[in-house]
């Protein structure tokens, strides 16, 4: 459980920061950068949902 929490504290802020930066500044990105950002958002949502499920189970 502890590695999951540490992973969330590292991954979520950086992913959210990058997403907000992309939405506000709209830099030109290659396809691979878009895929990586989308995968990061999906992992963030899945980790968050799993953590909520574990906590409130």
PDB file of N, CA and C in Angstrom:
ATOM      1  N   UNK A   1       0.830  -1.197   0.000  1.00  0.00           N
ATOM      2  CA  UNK A   1       0.000   0.000   0.000  1.00  0.00           C
ATOM      3  C   UNK A   1       0.871   1.256   0.000  1.00  0.00           C
ATOM      4  N   UNK A   2       1.966   1.218   0.744  1.00  0.00           N
ATOM      5  CA  UNK A   2       2.825   2.394   0.834  1.00  0.00           C
ATOM      6  C   UNK A   2       3.445   2.776  -0.518  1.00  0.00           C
ATOM      7  N   UNK A   3       3.923   1.814  -1.322  1.00  0.00           N
ATOM      8  CA  UNK A   3       4.448   2.201  -2.642  1.00  0.00           C
ATOM      9  C   UNK A   3       3.393   2.833  -3.544  1.00  0.00           C
ATOM     10  N   UNK A   4       2.141   2.390  -3.400  1.00  0.00           N
ATOM     11  CA  UNK A   4       1.071   2.986  -4.194  1.00  0.00           C
ATOM     12  C   UNK A   4       0.894   4.452  -3.827  1.00  0.00           C
ATOM     13  N   UNK A   5       0.902   4.734  -2.541  1.00  0.00           N
ATOM     14  CA  UNK A   5       0.716   6.107  -2.081  1.00  0.00           C
ATOM     15  C   UNK A   5       1.873   6.984  -2.538  1.00  0.00           C
ATOM     16  N   UNK A   6       3.112   6.479  -2.413  1.00  0.00           N
ATOM     17  CA  UNK A   6       4.261   7.255  -2.890  1.00  0.00           C
ATOM     18  C   UNK A   6       4.184   7.495  -4.391  1.00  0.00           C
ATOM     19  N   UNK A   7       3.758   6.484  -5.128  1.00  0.00           N
ATOM     20  CA  UNK A   7       3.599   6.642  -6.572  1.00  0.00           C
ATOM     21  C   UNK A   7       2.564   7.695  -6.916  1.00  0.00           C
ATOM     22  N   UNK A   8       1.488   7.734  -6.151  1.00  0.00           N
ATOM     23  CA  UNK A   8       0.460   8.744  -6.383  1.00  0.00           C
ATOM     24  C   UNK A   8       0.976  10.146  -6.100  1.00  0.00           C
ATOM     25  N   UNK A   9       1.745  10.288  -5.028  1.00  0.00           N
ATOM     26  CA  UNK A   9       2.269  11.610  -4.688  1.00  0.00           C
ATOM     27  C   UNK A   9       3.261  12.114  -5.736  1.00  0.00           C
ATOM     28  N   UNK A  10       3.894  11.215  -6.449  1.00  0.00           N
ATOM     29  CA  UNK A  10       4.840  11.612  -7.496  1.00  0.00           C
ATOM     30  C   UNK A  10       4.127  11.805  -8.830  1.00  0.00           C
ATOM     31  N   UNK A  11       3.258  10.872  -9.192  1.00  0.00           N
ATOM     32  CA  UNK A  11       2.661  10.872 -10.533  1.00  0.00           C
ATOM     33  C   UNK A  11       1.541  11.885 -10.698  1.00  0.00           C
ATOM     34  N   UNK A  12       0.673  12.001  -9.736  1.00  0.00           N
ATOM     35  CA  UNK A  12      -0.505  12.852  -9.910  1.00  0.00           C
ATOM     36  C   UNK A  12      -0.155  14.322 -10.079  1.00  0.00           C
ATOM     37  N   UNK A  13       0.659  14.921  -9.198  1.00  0.00           N
ATOM     38  CA  UNK A  13       0.943  16.356  -9.399  1.00  0.00           C
ATOM     39  C   UNK A  13       1.636  16.654 -10.727  1.00  0.00           C
ATOM     40  N   UNK A  14       2.590  15.811 -11.122  1.00  0.00           N
ATOM     41  CA  UNK A  14       3.297  16.078 -12.374  1.00  0.00           C
ATOM     42  C   UNK A  14       2.380  15.910 -13.574  1.00  0.00           C
ATOM     43  N   UNK A  15       1.511  14.908 -13.535  1.00  0.00           N
ATOM     44  CA  UNK A  15       0.578  14.693 -14.637  1.00  0.00           C
ATOM     45  C   UNK A  15      -0.431  15.830 -14.726  1.00  0.00           C
ATOM     46  N   UNK A  16      -0.963  16.232 -13.588  1.00  0.00           N
ATOM     47  CA  UNK A  16      -1.929  17.333 -13.601  1.00  0.00           C
ATOM     48  C   UNK A  16      -1.283  18.641 -14.038  1.00  0.00           C
ATOM     49  N   UNK A  17      -0.055  18.888 -13.576  1.00  0.00           N
ATOM     50  CA  UNK A  17       0.655  20.101 -13.994  1.00  0.00           C
ATOM     51  C   UNK A  17       0.869  20.098 -15.502  1.00  0.00           C
ATOM     52  N   UNK A  18       1.303  18.986 -16.031  1.00  0.00           N
ATOM     53  CA  UNK A  18       1.555  18.877 -17.481  1.00  0.00           C
ATOM     54  C   UNK A  18       0.255  19.047 -18.266  1.00  0.00           C
ATOM     55  N   UNK A  19      -0.836  18.478 -17.778  1.00  0.00           N
ATOM     56  CA  UNK A  19      -2.121  18.597 -18.457  1.00  0.00           C
ATOM     57  C   UNK A  19      -2.595  20.045 -18.484  1.00  0.00           C
ATOM     58  N   UNK A  20      -2.502  20.722 -17.352  1.00  0.00           N
ATOM     59  CA  UNK A  20      -2.910  22.127 -17.291  1.00  0.00           C
ATOM     60  C   UNK A  20      -2.029  22.981 -18.190  1.00  0.00           C
ATOM     61  N   UNK A  21      -0.719  22.708 -18.190  1.00  0.00           N
ATOM     62  CA  UNK A  21       0.202  23.440 -19.056  1.00  0.00           C
ATOM     63  C   UNK A  21      -0.174  23.263 -20.526  1.00  0.00           C
ATOM     64  N   UNK A  22      -0.488  22.037 -20.915  1.00  0.00           N
ATOM     65  CA  UNK A  22      -0.841  21.760 -22.316  1.00  0.00           C
ATOM     66  C   UNK A  22      -2.162  22.439 -22.675  1.00  0.00           C
ATOM     67  N   UNK A  23      -3.138  22.391 -21.773  1.00  0.00           N
ATOM     68  CA  UNK A  23      -4.435  22.997 -22.067  1.00  0.00           C
ATOM     69  C   UNK A  23      -4.358  24.519 -22.157  1.00  0.00           C
ATOM     70  N   UNK A  24      -3.530  25.136 -21.327  1.00  0.00           N
ATOM     71  CA  UNK A  24      -3.435  26.600 -21.330  1.00  0.00           C
ATOM     72  C   UNK A  24      -2.560  27.100 -22.481  1.00  0.00           C
ATOM     73  N   UNK A  25      -1.383  26.521 -22.654  1.00  0.00           N
ATOM     74  CA  UNK A  25      -0.419  27.035 -23.630  1.00  0.00           C
ATOM     75  C   UNK A  25      -0.565  26.439 -25.019  1.00  0.00           C
ATOM     76  N   UNK A  26      -1.171  25.270 -25.123  1.00  0.00           N
ATOM     77  CA  UNK A  26      -1.383  24.568 -26.388  1.00  0.00           C
ATOM     78  C   UNK A  26      -0.123  24.498 -27.257  1.00  0.00           C
ATOM     79  N   UNK A  27       0.963  23.941 -26.688  1.00  0.00           N
ATOM     80  CA  UNK A  27       2.173  23.801 -27.492  1.00  0.00           C
ATOM     81  C   UNK A  27       1.994  22.718 -28.547  1.00  0.00           C
ATOM     82  N   UNK A  28       2.786  22.804 -29.588  1.00  0.00           N
ATOM     83  CA  UNK A  28       2.742  21.746 -30.602  1.00  0.00           C
ATOM     84  C   UNK A  28       3.410  20.516 -30.020  1.00  0.00           C
ATOM     85  N   UNK A  29       2.714  19.392 -30.130  1.00  0.00           N
ATOM     86  CA  UNK A  29       3.227  18.146 -29.586  1.00  0.00           C
ATOM     87  C   UNK A  29       3.211  17.075 -30.659  1.00  0.00           C
ATOM     88  N   UNK A  30       4.184  16.203 -30.551  1.00  0.00           N
ATOM     89  CA  UNK A  30       4.196  15.064 -31.468  1.00  0.00           C
ATOM     90  C   UNK A  30       3.163  14.047 -30.989  1.00  0.00           C
ATOM     91  N   UNK A  31       2.899  13.084 -31.818  1.00  0.00           N
ATOM     92  CA  UNK A  31       1.919  12.056 -31.484  1.00  0.00           C
ATOM     93  C   UNK A  31       2.330  11.290 -30.236  1.00  0.00           C
ATOM     94  N   UNK A  32       3.611  10.969 -30.117  1.00  0.00           N
ATOM     95  CA  UNK A  32       4.077  10.205 -28.961  1.00  0.00           C
ATOM     96  C   UNK A  32       3.894  11.000 -27.666  1.00  0.00           C
ATOM     97  N   UNK A  33       4.095  12.310 -27.704  1.00  0.00           N
ATOM     98  CA  UNK A  33       3.879  13.139 -26.509  1.00  0.00           C
ATOM     99  C   UNK A  33       2.404  13.161 -26.115  1.00  0.00           C
ATOM    100  N   UNK A  34       1.531  13.210 -27.094  1.00  0.00           N
ATOM    101  CA  UNK A  34       0.091  13.173 -26.801  1.00  0.00           C
ATOM    102  C   UNK A  34      -0.306  11.833 -26.201  1.00  0.00           C
ATOM    103  N   UNK A  35       0.257  10.756 -26.731  1.00  0.00           N
ATOM    104  CA  UNK A  35      -0.045   9.419 -26.214  1.00  0.00           C
ATOM    105  C   UNK A  35       0.446   9.287 -24.780  1.00  0.00           C
ATOM    106  N   UNK A  36       1.651   9.772 -24.507  1.00  0.00           N
ATOM    107  CA  UNK A  36       2.203   9.685 -23.159  1.00  0.00           C
ATOM    108  C   UNK A  36       1.352  10.477 -22.175  1.00  0.00           C
ATOM    109  N   UNK A  37       0.923  11.658 -22.552  1.00  0.00           N
ATOM    110  CA  UNK A  37       0.077  12.469 -21.677  1.00  0.00           C
ATOM    111  C   UNK A  37      -1.264  11.783 -21.435  1.00  0.00           C
ATOM    112  N   UNK A  38      -1.851  11.215 -22.460  1.00  0.00           N
ATOM    113  CA  UNK A  38      -3.125  10.508 -22.310  1.00  0.00           C
ATOM    114  C   UNK A  38      -2.966   9.287 -21.406  1.00  0.00           C
ATOM    115  N   UNK A  39      -1.887   8.554 -21.570  1.00  0.00           N
ATOM    116  CA  UNK A  39      -1.642   7.394 -20.709  1.00  0.00           C
ATOM    117  C   UNK A  39      -1.420   7.824 -19.264  1.00  0.00           C
ATOM    118  N   UNK A  40      -0.723   8.930 -19.067  1.00  0.00           N
ATOM    119  CA  UNK A  40      -0.508   9.439 -17.720  1.00  0.00           C
ATOM    120  C   UNK A  40      -1.811   9.836 -17.051  1.00  0.00           C
ATOM    121  N   UNK A  41      -2.699  10.472 -17.814  1.00  0.00           N
ATOM    122  CA  UNK A  41      -4.007  10.837 -17.260  1.00  0.00           C
ATOM    123  C   UNK A  41      -4.826   9.595 -16.916  1.00  0.00           C
ATOM    124  N   UNK A  42      -4.779   8.598 -17.778  1.00  0.00           N
ATOM    125  CA  UNK A  42      -5.522   7.363 -17.519  1.00  0.00           C
ATOM    126  C   UNK A  42      -4.984   6.662 -16.272  1.00  0.00           C
ATOM    127  N   UNK A  43      -3.666   6.597 -16.137  1.00  0.00           N
ATOM    128  CA  UNK A  43      -3.075   5.978 -14.950  1.00  0.00           C
ATOM    129  C   UNK A  43      -3.419   6.760 -13.693  1.00  0.00           C
ATOM    130  N   UNK A  44      -3.419   8.086 -13.784  1.00  0.00           N
ATOM    131  CA  UNK A  44      -3.774   8.907 -12.635  1.00  0.00           C
ATOM    132  C   UNK A  44      -5.204   8.627 -12.192  1.00  0.00           C
ATOM    133  N   UNK A  45      -6.110   8.556 -13.144  1.00  0.00           N
ATOM    134  CA  UNK A  45      -7.505   8.267 -12.807  1.00  0.00           C
ATOM    135  C   UNK A  45      -7.659   6.863 -12.225  1.00  0.00           C
ATOM    136  N   UNK A  46      -6.976   5.884 -12.802  1.00  0.00           N
ATOM    137  CA  UNK A  46      -7.071   4.519 -12.296  1.00  0.00           C
ATOM    138  C   UNK A  46      -6.467   4.382 -10.904  1.00  0.00           C
ATOM    139  N   UNK A  47      -5.299   4.997 -10.677  1.00  0.00           N
ATOM    140  CA  UNK A  47      -4.683   4.950  -9.349  1.00  0.00           C
ATOM    141  C   UNK A  47      -5.569   5.633  -8.319  1.00  0.00           C
ATOM    142  N   UNK A  48      -6.130   6.771  -8.691  1.00  0.00           N
ATOM    143  CA  UNK A  48      -7.015   7.483  -7.769  1.00  0.00           C
ATOM    144  C   UNK A  48      -8.247   6.665  -7.432  1.00  0.00           C
ATOM    145  N   UNK A  49      -8.838   6.048  -8.439  1.00  0.00           N
ATOM    146  CA  UNK A  49     -10.023   5.218  -8.207  1.00  0.00           C
ATOM    147  C   UNK A  49      -9.672   3.998  -7.356  1.00  0.00           C
ATOM    148  N   UNK A  50      -8.531   3.392  -7.604  1.00  0.00           N
ATOM    149  CA  UNK A  50      -8.110   2.231  -6.812  1.00  0.00           C
ATOM    150  C   UNK A  50      -7.859   2.629  -5.359  1.00  0.00           C
ATOM    151  N   UNK A  51      -7.248   3.766  -5.148  1.00  0.00           N
ATOM    152  CA  UNK A  51      -6.979   4.221  -3.795  1.00  0.00           C
ATOM    153  C   UNK A  51      -8.281   4.512  -3.054  1.00  0.00           C
ATOM    154  N   UNK A  52      -9.221   5.157  -3.712  1.00  0.00           N
ATOM    155  CA  UNK A  52     -10.512   5.425  -3.092  1.00  0.00           C
ATOM    156  C   UNK A  52     -11.219   4.109  -2.771  1.00  0.00           C
ATOM    157  N   UNK A  53     -11.136   3.146  -3.675  1.00  0.00           N
ATOM    158  CA  UNK A  53     -11.744   1.844  -3.444  1.00  0.00           C
ATOM    159  C   UNK A  53     -11.110   1.142  -2.242  1.00  0.00           C
ATOM    160  N   UNK A  54      -9.791   1.205  -2.131  1.00  0.00           N
ATOM    161  CA  UNK A  54      -9.098   0.565  -1.018  1.00  0.00           C
ATOM    162  C   UNK A  54      -9.442   1.240   0.313  1.00  0.00           C
ATOM    163  N   UNK A  55      -9.477   2.555   0.308  1.00  0.00           N
ATOM    164  CA  UNK A  55      -9.730   3.299   1.543  1.00  0.00           C
ATOM    165  C   UNK A  55     -11.158   3.089   2.030  1.00  0.00           C
ATOM    166  N   UNK A  56     -12.136   3.154   1.141  1.00  0.00           N
ATOM    167  CA  UNK A  56     -13.533   3.121   1.545  1.00  0.00           C
ATOM    168  C   UNK A  56     -14.172   1.739   1.445  1.00  0.00           C
ATOM    169  N   UNK A  57     -13.370   0.717   1.289  1.00  0.00           N
ATOM    170  CA  UNK A  57     -13.913  -0.641   1.190  1.00  0.00           C
ATOM    171  C   UNK A  57     -14.293  -1.167   2.533  1.00  0.00           C
TER     172      UNK A  57
END
